[in-house]
């Protein structure tokens, strides 16, 4: 995804380096799957086909799934917002923040997800993310990975 290439000052980031990883998270009610900058594979999303979805949520009590975010310009909904980016507020070179607001409809609004990718040179093959549902239809996720570090 072109927008996954970002430059902030002298720091260049390429989150496409994470597109081969499927990241998993969970809370008391839901399981979450994210394939950064690429489409989620159908098997992790409980064998559901989610065309062009980057992430999905599975609500265990309701036994239902939803797309959390779609690739840029690929949302089936009329408000087809692209992801926005900023450098991690912890400081230059510490990572990048991606904000998406183009997921499936959730109580008459689109799901909103803020994912903070933290530069962590000790995590070579990320598989997990921490996810918190802040409010109805609003989520935050944290991913630690060497791929979130600036390009050298």
Protein backbone atom coordinates (compact mmCIF):
# COMPACT_ATOMS: atom_id res chain seq x y z
CA UNK A 1 0.00 0.00 0.00
CA UNK A 2 1.62 3.25 -1.10
CA UNK A 3 0.48 5.21 1.93
CA UNK A 4 2.38 2.80 4.20
CA UNK A 5 5.56 4.58 3.03
CA UNK A 6 5.92 7.70 5.16
CA UNK A 7 8.64 10.26 5.87
CA UNK A 8 8.77 12.45 8.97
CA UNK A 9 11.81 14.72 9.02
CA UNK A 10 14.83 12.52 8.37
CA UNK A 11 12.98 9.31 9.32
CA UNK A 12 11.58 7.15 6.53
CA UNK A 13 9.21 4.34 7.47
CA UNK A 14 7.91 1.44 5.37
CA UNK A 15 5.10 -0.43 7.11
CA UNK A 16 4.78 -2.61 4.01
CA UNK A 17 7.57 -4.65 5.63
CA UNK A 18 4.86 -5.90 8.01
CA UNK A 19 2.49 -7.05 5.25
CA UNK A 20 3.66 -10.69 5.47
CA UNK A 21 2.76 -10.93 9.15
CA UNK A 22 -0.66 -11.69 10.62
CA UNK A 23 -0.98 -10.15 14.06
CA UNK A 24 -3.40 -11.40 16.71
CA UNK A 25 -4.94 -9.71 19.71
CA UNK A 26 -7.84 -10.33 22.05
CA UNK A 27 -9.79 -8.89 24.93
CA UNK A 28 -12.58 -10.28 27.10
CA UNK A 29 -15.11 -10.31 24.29
CA UNK A 30 -13.36 -10.21 20.92
CA UNK A 31 -10.47 -11.55 18.92
CA UNK A 32 -8.67 -9.25 16.48
CA UNK A 33 -6.58 -9.97 13.41
CA UNK A 34 -4.44 -7.43 11.52
CA UNK A 35 -2.27 -7.77 8.44
CA UNK A 36 -0.68 -4.31 8.17
CA UNK A 37 -0.75 -2.69 4.72
CA UNK A 38 -2.18 -5.82 3.09
CA UNK A 39 -5.43 -7.76 3.05
CA UNK A 40 -6.19 -10.17 5.88
CA UNK A 41 -6.01 -13.80 4.93
CA UNK A 42 -9.40 -15.52 5.14
CA UNK A 43 -8.36 -18.32 7.49
CA UNK A 44 -7.46 -16.09 10.46
CA UNK A 45 -10.76 -14.21 10.02
CA UNK A 46 -12.67 -17.38 10.83
CA UNK A 47 -12.76 -18.44 7.19
CA UNK A 48 -14.76 -15.37 6.24
CA UNK A 49 -13.93 -13.66 3.00
CA UNK A 50 -13.31 -9.99 3.70
CA UNK A 51 -12.21 -8.53 0.36
CA UNK A 52 -9.62 -5.79 0.84
CA UNK A 53 -9.88 -5.82 4.63
CA UNK A 54 -6.65 -5.16 6.53
CA UNK A 55 -8.11 -6.24 9.85
CA UNK A 56 -11.09 -8.00 11.35
CA UNK A 57 -12.81 -8.43 14.69
CA UNK A 58 -14.58 -11.56 15.87
CA UNK A 59 -17.12 -10.97 18.64
CA UNK A 60 -17.18 -14.29 20.51
CA UNK A 61 -20.51 -13.90 22.38
CA UNK A 62 -22.33 -12.75 19.24
CA UNK A 63 -20.39 -15.13 16.99
CA UNK A 64 -20.08 -12.36 14.42
CA UNK A 65 -17.19 -10.86 12.51
CA UNK A 66 -16.57 -7.37 11.12
CA UNK A 67 -13.91 -5.64 9.08
CA UNK A 68 -12.02 -3.19 11.29
CA UNK A 69 -10.22 -1.39 8.46
CA UNK A 70 -9.95 -1.67 4.69
CA UNK A 71 -7.02 -0.92 2.42
CA UNK A 72 -6.97 2.65 1.05
CA UNK A 73 -9.83 3.33 -1.42
CA UNK A 74 -11.16 -0.23 -0.96
CA UNK A 75 -13.90 0.24 1.62
CA UNK A 76 -17.35 -0.75 0.36
CA UNK A 77 -18.87 2.12 2.33
CA UNK A 78 -19.52 5.58 0.90
CA UNK A 79 -17.12 7.28 3.32
CA UNK A 80 -14.05 5.62 1.86
CA UNK A 81 -11.43 7.37 4.00
CA UNK A 82 -7.76 6.60 3.50
CA UNK A 83 -5.45 5.90 6.40
CA UNK A 84 -3.66 8.87 7.95
CA UNK A 85 -0.24 8.78 9.58
CA UNK A 86 1.92 10.63 12.07
CA UNK A 87 5.20 9.87 13.74
CA UNK A 88 4.91 8.25 17.16
CA UNK A 89 4.44 11.04 19.73
CA UNK A 90 7.11 9.37 21.90
CA UNK A 91 9.71 11.02 19.67
CA UNK A 92 11.46 10.90 16.31
CA UNK A 93 12.54 7.43 15.22
CA UNK A 94 10.31 5.58 17.71
CA UNK A 95 7.64 4.45 15.25
CA UNK A 96 4.54 5.53 13.40
CA UNK A 97 0.81 5.88 14.13
CA UNK A 98 -1.81 4.79 11.55
CA UNK A 99 -5.41 5.94 11.89
CA UNK A 100 -8.19 4.28 9.91
CA UNK A 101 -11.87 5.15 9.85
CA UNK A 102 -13.16 3.03 7.00
CA UNK A 103 -14.17 -0.26 8.63
CA UNK A 104 -17.60 -1.87 8.62
CA UNK A 105 -20.58 0.11 9.84
CA UNK A 106 -20.96 -0.07 13.60
CA UNK A 107 -24.11 1.46 15.12
CA UNK A 108 -24.48 3.92 12.20
CA UNK A 109 -20.81 4.93 12.13
CA UNK A 110 -17.61 3.49 10.69
CA UNK A 111 -15.22 1.72 12.99
CA UNK A 112 -12.23 3.87 13.97
CA UNK A 113 -8.87 2.27 14.71
CA UNK A 114 -5.62 3.86 15.84
CA UNK A 115 -2.63 1.54 15.52
CA UNK A 116 0.68 2.58 17.03
CA UNK A 117 3.63 0.76 15.48
CA UNK A 118 6.51 0.97 17.96
CA UNK A 119 10.11 0.51 16.87
CA UNK A 120 11.37 -2.50 18.84
CA UNK A 121 14.56 -4.02 17.46
CA UNK A 122 14.10 -7.15 19.63
CA UNK A 123 10.88 -8.24 17.84
CA UNK A 124 11.91 -9.66 14.46
CA UNK A 125 8.75 -11.69 13.72
CA UNK A 126 5.75 -9.97 15.30
CA UNK A 127 2.66 -12.10 15.93
CA UNK A 128 0.74 -10.27 18.64
CA UNK A 129 -0.76 -6.85 19.21
CA UNK A 130 -2.45 -5.28 22.20
CA UNK A 131 -5.97 -4.08 21.41
CA UNK A 132 -8.28 -1.99 23.57
CA UNK A 133 -11.82 -0.98 22.70
CA UNK A 134 -11.90 2.59 24.01
CA UNK A 135 -15.57 3.17 23.27
CA UNK A 136 -18.21 1.63 21.07
CA UNK A 137 -16.69 1.21 17.57
CA UNK A 138 -13.38 2.89 18.57
CA UNK A 139 -10.25 0.84 19.03
CA UNK A 140 -6.57 1.32 19.72
CA UNK A 141 -3.86 -1.22 18.97
CA UNK A 142 -0.16 -1.38 19.71
CA UNK A 143 2.32 -3.36 17.63
CA UNK A 144 6.00 -3.75 18.51
CA UNK A 145 8.34 -4.73 15.69
CA UNK A 146 11.69 -4.00 14.11
CA UNK A 147 9.76 -3.30 10.90
CA UNK A 148 8.30 -0.21 12.62
CA UNK A 149 11.77 1.31 12.90
CA UNK A 150 12.94 3.92 10.40
CA UNK A 151 14.71 2.62 7.29
CA UNK A 152 18.49 2.83 7.50
